[in-house]
N, C-alpha and C. Protein backbone atom coordinates (compact mmCIF):
# COMPACT_ATOMS: atom_id res chain seq x y z
N MET A 1 100.15 90.92 81.54
CA MET A 1 99.86 91.17 82.92
C MET A 1 100.23 92.55 83.37
N SER A 2 99.48 93.12 83.83
CA SER A 2 99.46 94.23 84.53
C SER A 2 99.81 94.23 86.11
N PRO A 3 100.51 94.57 86.91
CA PRO A 3 100.31 94.98 88.42
C PRO A 3 99.56 95.30 88.63
N ASP A 4 99.19 95.15 90.00
CA ASP A 4 98.38 95.81 90.64
C ASP A 4 98.81 96.24 92.01
N LEU A 5 98.21 96.95 92.93
CA LEU A 5 98.70 97.51 94.06
C LEU A 5 97.72 97.21 95.11
N THR A 6 98.50 96.85 96.63
CA THR A 6 97.83 96.75 97.72
C THR A 6 98.27 97.76 98.74
N TYR A 7 97.41 98.36 99.21
CA TYR A 7 97.49 99.09 100.21
C TYR A 7 98.30 98.57 101.64
N ILE A 8 99.54 99.41 102.20
CA ILE A 8 100.17 98.63 103.22
C ILE A 8 100.15 99.37 104.38
N CYS A 9 100.52 100.77 104.27
CA CYS A 9 100.20 101.44 105.63
C CYS A 9 100.36 103.29 105.05
N GLU A 10 100.21 104.05 105.83
CA GLU A 10 100.76 105.29 105.57
C GLU A 10 101.36 105.62 106.79
N ILE A 11 102.65 106.73 106.32
CA ILE A 11 103.78 106.93 107.11
C ILE A 11 103.91 108.24 107.08
N ARG A 12 103.57 109.05 108.17
CA ARG A 12 103.96 110.10 108.70
C ARG A 12 105.04 110.29 109.21
N ALA A 13 106.21 111.13 108.58
CA ALA A 13 107.53 111.25 108.98
C ALA A 13 107.53 112.86 109.12
N GLU A 14 107.89 113.11 110.62
CA GLU A 14 108.23 114.51 110.81
C GLU A 14 109.43 115.09 110.46
N ILE A 15 109.55 116.10 110.36
CA ILE A 15 110.77 116.68 109.82
C ILE A 15 110.93 117.92 110.49
N ALA A 16 112.23 118.26 110.90
CA ALA A 16 112.69 119.26 111.22
C ALA A 16 113.14 120.36 109.98
N PRO A 17 113.24 121.78 110.41
CA PRO A 17 113.43 122.61 109.22
C PRO A 17 114.73 122.14 108.33
N PRO A 18 114.64 122.32 107.23
CA PRO A 18 115.74 121.73 106.24
C PRO A 18 116.86 122.65 106.35
N ILE A 19 118.15 121.67 106.21
CA ILE A 19 119.40 122.32 106.22
C ILE A 19 119.62 122.51 104.84
N ARG A 20 119.74 123.71 104.00
CA ARG A 20 120.07 124.06 102.85
C ARG A 20 121.83 123.74 102.54
N VAL A 21 122.20 122.63 101.88
CA VAL A 21 123.60 122.57 101.54
C VAL A 21 123.94 123.74 100.34
N GLY A 22 123.14 123.55 99.54
CA GLY A 22 123.40 124.69 98.32
C GLY A 22 123.39 123.88 96.89
N GLU A 23 123.89 124.69 96.33
CA GLU A 23 124.17 124.01 94.43
C GLU A 23 125.38 123.21 94.64
N VAL A 24 125.06 121.86 94.18
CA VAL A 24 126.35 120.98 94.08
C VAL A 24 126.50 120.62 92.72
N ASP A 25 127.63 120.10 92.36
CA ASP A 25 128.05 119.92 91.17
C ASP A 25 127.94 118.39 91.18
N GLY A 26 128.51 117.99 89.49
CA GLY A 26 128.58 116.64 89.64
C GLY A 26 127.19 115.77 88.53
N PRO A 27 127.45 114.56 88.61
CA PRO A 27 125.93 114.01 87.97
C PRO A 27 124.89 114.26 88.79
N GLY A 28 123.76 114.93 88.35
CA GLY A 28 122.53 115.18 88.92
C GLY A 28 122.59 116.23 89.66
N GLY A 29 123.54 117.17 89.57
CA GLY A 29 123.68 118.07 90.33
C GLY A 29 122.34 119.31 90.69
N GLY A 30 122.45 120.18 91.70
CA GLY A 30 121.53 120.81 91.84
C GLY A 30 121.46 121.48 93.47
N ASP A 31 120.17 122.01 93.66
CA ASP A 31 120.30 122.49 94.88
C ASP A 31 119.78 121.67 96.13
N LEU A 32 120.79 121.16 96.72
CA LEU A 32 120.80 120.18 97.92
C LEU A 32 120.42 120.75 99.26
N ASN A 33 119.45 119.90 99.77
CA ASN A 33 118.72 120.33 101.18
C ASN A 33 118.66 118.94 101.77
N VAL A 34 118.69 119.19 103.61
CA VAL A 34 118.59 117.68 103.82
C VAL A 34 117.60 118.44 105.11
N ALA A 35 116.75 117.62 105.27
CA ALA A 35 115.38 117.69 106.60
C ALA A 35 115.71 116.49 107.38
N PRO A 36 116.39 116.50 108.99
CA PRO A 36 116.31 115.56 109.64
C PRO A 36 115.12 114.99 110.13
N ILE A 37 114.79 113.57 110.19
CA ILE A 37 113.55 113.01 110.63
C ILE A 37 113.71 113.05 111.92
N THR A 38 112.45 113.65 112.86
CA THR A 38 112.43 113.52 114.23
C THR A 38 111.42 112.81 114.92
N GLY A 39 110.65 112.03 114.03
CA GLY A 39 109.51 111.08 114.42
C GLY A 39 108.86 110.87 113.64
N GLY A 40 107.35 110.52 114.38
CA GLY A 40 106.04 110.25 113.35
C GLY A 40 105.45 108.81 113.71
N THR A 41 104.60 108.75 112.59
CA THR A 41 103.69 107.55 113.05
C THR A 41 103.71 106.52 111.53
N VAL A 42 103.33 105.44 112.07
CA VAL A 42 103.15 104.17 111.00
C VAL A 42 101.51 103.90 111.12
N THR A 43 100.72 103.72 110.07
CA THR A 43 99.55 103.25 110.66
C THR A 43 98.76 102.38 109.33
N GLY A 44 98.71 100.98 109.56
CA GLY A 44 98.07 100.26 108.83
C GLY A 44 97.32 98.80 109.34
N ASP A 45 97.13 98.11 108.40
CA ASP A 45 96.61 96.84 108.88
C ASP A 45 97.27 95.98 109.59
N ARG A 46 98.55 95.75 108.64
CA ARG A 46 99.55 94.79 109.06
C ARG A 46 100.50 95.49 109.84
N ILE A 47 100.65 96.60 109.80
CA ILE A 47 102.12 97.30 110.68
C ILE A 47 101.70 98.48 111.09
N THR A 48 101.73 98.81 112.47
CA THR A 48 101.85 100.01 113.12
C THR A 48 102.63 100.14 113.73
N GLY A 49 103.19 101.52 114.26
CA GLY A 49 104.36 102.13 114.96
C GLY A 49 104.66 103.28 114.91
N LYS A 50 105.97 103.52 115.16
CA LYS A 50 106.30 104.96 114.93
C LYS A 50 107.69 105.27 114.21
N VAL A 51 107.63 106.31 113.77
CA VAL A 51 108.86 106.69 113.04
C VAL A 51 110.15 107.24 114.34
N LEU A 52 111.02 106.64 114.34
CA LEU A 52 111.99 107.12 115.12
C LEU A 52 112.86 108.08 114.83
N PRO A 53 113.45 108.92 115.68
CA PRO A 53 114.26 110.17 115.24
C PRO A 53 115.34 109.87 114.81
N VAL A 54 115.40 109.00 113.68
CA VAL A 54 116.87 108.96 113.25
C VAL A 54 116.82 108.89 111.56
N GLY A 55 117.86 109.48 110.98
CA GLY A 55 117.87 109.58 109.80
C GLY A 55 117.48 110.78 109.11
N ALA A 56 117.23 110.85 107.99
CA ALA A 56 117.02 111.97 107.33
C ALA A 56 116.39 111.89 105.72
N ASP A 57 115.81 113.00 105.42
CA ASP A 57 115.28 113.29 104.05
C ASP A 57 116.12 114.07 103.13
N TRP A 58 116.76 113.74 102.07
CA TRP A 58 117.86 114.55 101.31
C TRP A 58 116.82 114.65 99.99
N TRP A 59 117.21 115.93 99.39
CA TRP A 59 116.43 116.19 98.15
C TRP A 59 117.22 117.13 97.47
N VAL A 60 117.15 116.87 96.26
CA VAL A 60 117.92 117.96 95.22
C VAL A 60 116.92 118.51 94.35
N CYS A 61 116.72 119.85 93.92
CA CYS A 61 115.88 120.53 93.29
C CYS A 61 116.66 120.70 92.23
N THR A 62 115.94 120.27 90.78
CA THR A 62 116.56 120.86 89.75
C THR A 62 115.50 121.42 88.90
N GLY A 63 115.15 122.76 88.73
CA GLY A 63 114.09 123.37 88.22
C GLY A 63 112.82 122.74 89.09
N PRO A 64 111.83 122.29 87.97
CA PRO A 64 110.52 122.08 88.95
C PRO A 64 110.51 120.66 89.44
N THR A 65 111.72 119.61 89.07
CA THR A 65 111.61 118.56 89.42
C THR A 65 112.28 118.33 90.84
N THR A 66 112.32 117.44 91.95
CA THR A 66 113.13 117.42 92.97
C THR A 66 113.28 115.84 93.17
N ARG A 67 114.58 115.51 93.03
CA ARG A 67 114.92 113.93 93.52
C ARG A 67 114.88 113.67 95.10
N LEU A 68 114.24 112.67 95.32
CA LEU A 68 114.08 112.54 96.84
C LEU A 68 115.15 111.01 96.99
N ASP A 69 115.51 111.60 98.57
CA ASP A 69 116.25 110.21 99.05
C ASP A 69 116.33 110.24 100.49
N ALA A 70 115.49 109.32 100.93
CA ALA A 70 115.36 109.50 102.68
C ALA A 70 115.70 107.98 103.14
N ARG A 71 115.96 108.11 104.29
CA ARG A 71 116.75 106.74 104.95
C ARG A 71 116.31 107.15 106.40
N TYR A 72 115.50 106.36 107.10
CA TYR A 72 115.18 106.16 108.46
C TYR A 72 114.74 105.00 109.10
N LEU A 73 114.42 105.00 110.23
CA LEU A 73 113.90 103.65 110.68
C LEU A 73 112.49 103.76 111.37
N LEU A 74 111.65 102.56 111.50
CA LEU A 74 110.44 102.63 112.01
C LEU A 74 110.48 101.40 113.28
N GLU A 75 109.70 101.72 114.22
CA GLU A 75 109.46 100.63 115.51
C GLU A 75 108.18 100.32 115.55
N THR A 76 107.74 98.97 115.37
CA THR A 76 106.55 98.69 115.24
C THR A 76 105.95 98.34 116.72
N ASP A 77 104.54 98.75 117.13
CA ASP A 77 104.17 98.66 118.15
C ASP A 77 104.53 97.13 118.80
N ASP A 78 104.77 96.12 118.30
CA ASP A 78 105.25 94.94 118.99
C ASP A 78 106.71 94.73 118.95
N GLY A 79 107.68 95.99 118.65
CA GLY A 79 109.00 96.15 119.08
C GLY A 79 109.97 95.78 118.14
N ALA A 80 109.54 95.51 116.64
CA ALA A 80 110.37 95.36 115.58
C ALA A 80 111.00 96.56 115.10
N VAL A 81 112.46 96.37 114.65
CA VAL A 81 112.88 97.64 114.10
C VAL A 81 113.35 97.49 112.66
N ILE A 82 112.54 98.75 111.79
CA ILE A 82 112.76 98.35 110.31
C ILE A 82 113.17 99.62 109.67
N ASP A 83 114.55 99.25 108.98
CA ASP A 83 115.29 100.25 108.40
C ASP A 83 114.60 100.30 107.07
N LEU A 84 114.26 101.86 106.58
CA LEU A 84 113.79 101.73 105.14
C LEU A 84 114.60 102.92 104.44
N VAL A 85 114.62 102.63 102.73
CA VAL A 85 115.09 103.54 102.02
C VAL A 85 114.04 103.71 101.06
N ASN A 86 113.86 105.47 100.73
CA ASN A 86 112.85 105.83 100.01
C ASN A 86 113.40 106.92 99.07
N ARG A 87 113.15 106.33 98.12
CA ARG A 87 114.01 107.19 96.56
C ARG A 87 112.77 107.42 95.72
N GLY A 88 112.68 108.62 95.10
CA GLY A 88 111.56 108.88 94.13
C GLY A 88 111.81 110.71 93.66
N TYR A 89 110.66 110.81 93.27
CA TYR A 89 110.72 112.27 92.23
C TYR A 89 109.30 112.99 92.78
N PHE A 90 109.37 114.25 92.92
CA PHE A 90 108.59 115.21 93.21
C PHE A 90 108.26 116.32 92.13
N HIS A 91 107.17 116.60 91.47
CA HIS A 91 107.42 118.03 90.71
C HIS A 91 105.80 118.32 90.86
N ALA A 92 105.66 119.89 90.79
CA ALA A 92 104.30 120.29 90.45
C ALA A 92 104.42 121.71 89.82
N ALA A 93 103.47 122.10 89.51
CA ALA A 93 103.51 123.44 88.71
C ALA A 93 103.25 124.53 90.12
N GLU A 94 103.59 125.68 89.66
CA GLU A 94 103.47 126.64 90.76
C GLU A 94 102.15 127.66 90.13
N PRO A 95 101.44 128.05 90.88
CA PRO A 95 100.91 127.58 92.14
C PRO A 95 100.76 125.89 92.32
N ILE A 96 100.83 125.26 93.62
CA ILE A 96 100.71 123.85 93.62
C ILE A 96 99.32 123.67 93.52
N ILE A 97 98.69 122.77 92.38
CA ILE A 97 97.55 122.35 92.35
C ILE A 97 97.52 120.54 92.70
N GLU A 98 96.74 120.32 93.67
CA GLU A 98 96.99 118.68 93.96
C GLU A 98 96.72 117.62 93.05
N GLU A 99 95.66 118.16 91.94
CA GLU A 99 95.45 116.69 90.76
C GLU A 99 96.72 116.66 89.95
N GLU A 100 97.81 118.06 90.05
CA GLU A 100 98.88 117.91 89.07
C GLU A 100 100.29 117.63 89.56
N ILE A 101 100.09 117.36 90.98
CA ILE A 101 101.46 116.82 92.03
C ILE A 101 101.69 115.53 91.61
N TYR A 102 103.01 115.27 91.23
CA TYR A 102 103.70 114.41 91.09
C TYR A 102 104.63 113.85 91.93
N TYR A 103 104.26 112.65 92.74
CA TYR A 103 105.06 112.51 94.01
C TYR A 103 104.92 110.55 93.68
N ARG A 104 106.06 110.31 93.32
CA ARG A 104 106.03 108.70 93.31
C ARG A 104 107.63 108.36 93.74
N SER A 105 107.45 107.26 94.79
CA SER A 105 108.99 106.52 95.23
C SER A 105 108.87 105.55 95.27
N ALA A 106 110.18 104.57 95.65
CA ALA A 106 110.16 103.13 95.76
C ALA A 106 110.90 103.16 97.02
N PHE A 107 110.05 102.12 97.72
CA PHE A 107 110.83 101.86 99.20
C PHE A 107 111.48 100.49 99.19
N THR A 108 112.53 100.30 100.00
CA THR A 108 112.83 98.81 100.17
C THR A 108 112.96 99.17 101.80
N PHE A 109 112.68 97.74 102.29
CA PHE A 109 112.80 97.38 103.63
C PHE A 109 113.88 96.66 104.13
N GLN A 110 114.61 96.84 105.12
CA GLN A 110 115.38 95.71 105.93
C GLN A 110 114.82 95.53 107.52
N THR A 111 114.52 94.09 107.91
CA THR A 111 114.69 94.04 109.28
C THR A 111 115.05 92.57 109.52
N ALA A 112 115.33 92.26 111.12
CA ALA A 112 115.68 90.94 111.09
C ALA A 112 114.39 90.26 112.05
N HIS A 113 113.14 91.12 112.15
CA HIS A 113 112.41 90.40 112.96
C HIS A 113 111.44 89.66 111.74
N PRO A 114 111.33 88.19 112.12
CA PRO A 114 110.81 87.51 111.27
C PRO A 114 108.91 87.62 110.97
N ASP A 115 108.27 88.28 111.75
CA ASP A 115 107.03 88.39 111.54
C ASP A 115 106.96 89.94 110.55
N TYR A 116 107.98 90.53 109.96
CA TYR A 116 108.21 91.50 108.82
C TYR A 116 108.91 91.48 107.69
N ARG A 117 109.40 89.74 107.94
CA ARG A 117 110.07 89.27 106.67
C ARG A 117 109.34 89.98 105.41
N TRP A 118 107.98 89.96 105.34
CA TRP A 118 107.36 90.04 104.00
C TRP A 118 107.86 91.63 103.62
N LEU A 119 107.76 92.36 104.29
CA LEU A 119 108.10 93.64 103.88
C LEU A 119 109.58 93.80 102.68
N THR A 120 110.57 92.95 103.34
CA THR A 120 111.81 92.60 102.55
C THR A 120 111.63 91.67 101.36
N GLU A 121 110.68 91.24 100.80
CA GLU A 121 110.42 90.15 99.81
C GLU A 121 109.76 90.85 98.93
N ALA A 122 109.10 92.25 98.65
CA ALA A 122 108.60 92.71 97.62
C ALA A 122 109.19 94.15 97.19
N GLN A 123 108.53 94.87 96.16
CA GLN A 123 108.57 96.19 95.80
C GLN A 123 107.52 96.95 96.31
N TYR A 124 107.79 97.95 96.77
CA TYR A 124 106.84 98.95 97.56
C TYR A 124 106.88 100.07 96.60
N ILE A 125 105.69 100.74 96.65
CA ILE A 125 106.06 102.34 95.91
C ILE A 125 104.93 103.09 97.03
N GLY A 126 105.49 104.81 96.77
CA GLY A 126 104.92 105.54 98.02
C GLY A 126 103.89 106.75 97.05
N VAL A 127 103.30 107.26 97.51
CA VAL A 127 102.48 108.09 96.83
C VAL A 127 102.15 109.19 98.16
N LEU A 128 102.52 110.38 97.99
CA LEU A 128 102.23 111.83 98.72
C LEU A 128 100.87 111.50 98.83
N ARG A 129 100.47 111.92 100.34
CA ARG A 129 99.02 112.40 100.60
C ARG A 129 98.89 113.40 101.08
N GLY A 130 98.06 114.24 100.78
CA GLY A 130 97.80 115.61 101.32
C GLY A 130 97.80 116.56 100.23
N SER A 131 96.81 117.50 100.66
CA SER A 131 96.69 118.47 99.50
C SER A 131 97.63 119.45 99.49
N GLY A 132 97.89 119.97 98.34
CA GLY A 132 98.81 121.20 98.45
C GLY A 132 100.53 120.83 98.50
N GLY A 133 100.77 119.53 98.51
CA GLY A 133 102.21 119.18 98.77
C GLY A 133 102.66 118.79 99.89
N PRO A 134 103.58 118.40 100.20
CA PRO A 134 104.13 118.42 101.48
C PRO A 134 103.78 119.10 102.67
N GLU A 135 103.60 119.01 103.84
CA GLU A 135 103.26 119.72 104.96
C GLU A 135 104.73 120.36 105.19
N PRO A 136 104.64 121.51 105.76
CA PRO A 136 106.15 121.95 106.28
C PRO A 136 106.84 121.16 107.47
N ASP A 137 106.02 120.76 108.11
CA ASP A 137 106.74 120.07 109.16
C ASP A 137 106.65 118.30 108.89
N ALA A 138 106.10 117.87 107.98
CA ALA A 138 105.88 116.45 108.06
C ALA A 138 105.63 115.92 106.25
N VAL A 139 106.02 114.67 106.02
CA VAL A 139 105.93 114.27 104.85
C VAL A 139 104.92 113.38 105.16
N ILE A 140 103.76 112.89 104.51
CA ILE A 140 102.79 111.78 104.62
C ILE A 140 102.84 110.95 103.50
N ILE A 141 103.30 109.77 103.28
CA ILE A 141 103.11 109.07 102.40
C ILE A 141 102.29 107.67 102.42
N ARG A 142 101.55 107.34 101.56
CA ARG A 142 100.96 106.17 101.67
C ARG A 142 101.76 104.96 100.46
N VAL A 143 101.94 103.86 101.14
CA VAL A 143 102.84 103.15 100.94
C VAL A 143 102.37 101.77 100.30
N TYR A 144 102.06 101.27 99.06
CA TYR A 144 101.52 100.46 98.36
C TYR A 144 102.65 99.47 97.95
N ARG A 145 102.02 97.82 97.98
CA ARG A 145 102.81 96.74 97.76
C ARG A 145 102.47 96.52 96.03
N LEU A 146 103.64 96.32 95.08
CA LEU A 146 103.46 95.89 93.69
C LEU A 146 103.13 94.76 93.68
N ASN A 147 102.08 94.36 93.20
CA ASN A 147 101.87 92.72 93.16
C ASN A 147 102.27 92.24 91.65
């Protein structure tokens, strides 16, 4: 059995200029950076709303590969608050060629709102949208349910 994907939504998380922490030691060390989440939007057939200005996008560069770790909140148009964690990898050759970009991540969601419980009961993956890599002030990710 091979899994298939169902499109869920697109998240456009707006970010502030990154804060460079610098070279970190330890397992998986590298150049650590943090970009605060400042807002954004969520659009999809089953979920629409906004990205709240809470949380941040952490990433560690280790050569051409970047490890991603983001956590922030969504608020749906009907008032549900959803916590999300998004972890994954980004790498691309220089100069960036869209067809060669690798950006894959795994989402987990938490919410107390019963209408969005379905988000907490499956695995989701994210794929970067946009040409040439992330935008300077936003990360745009298409989210898919792994069936």
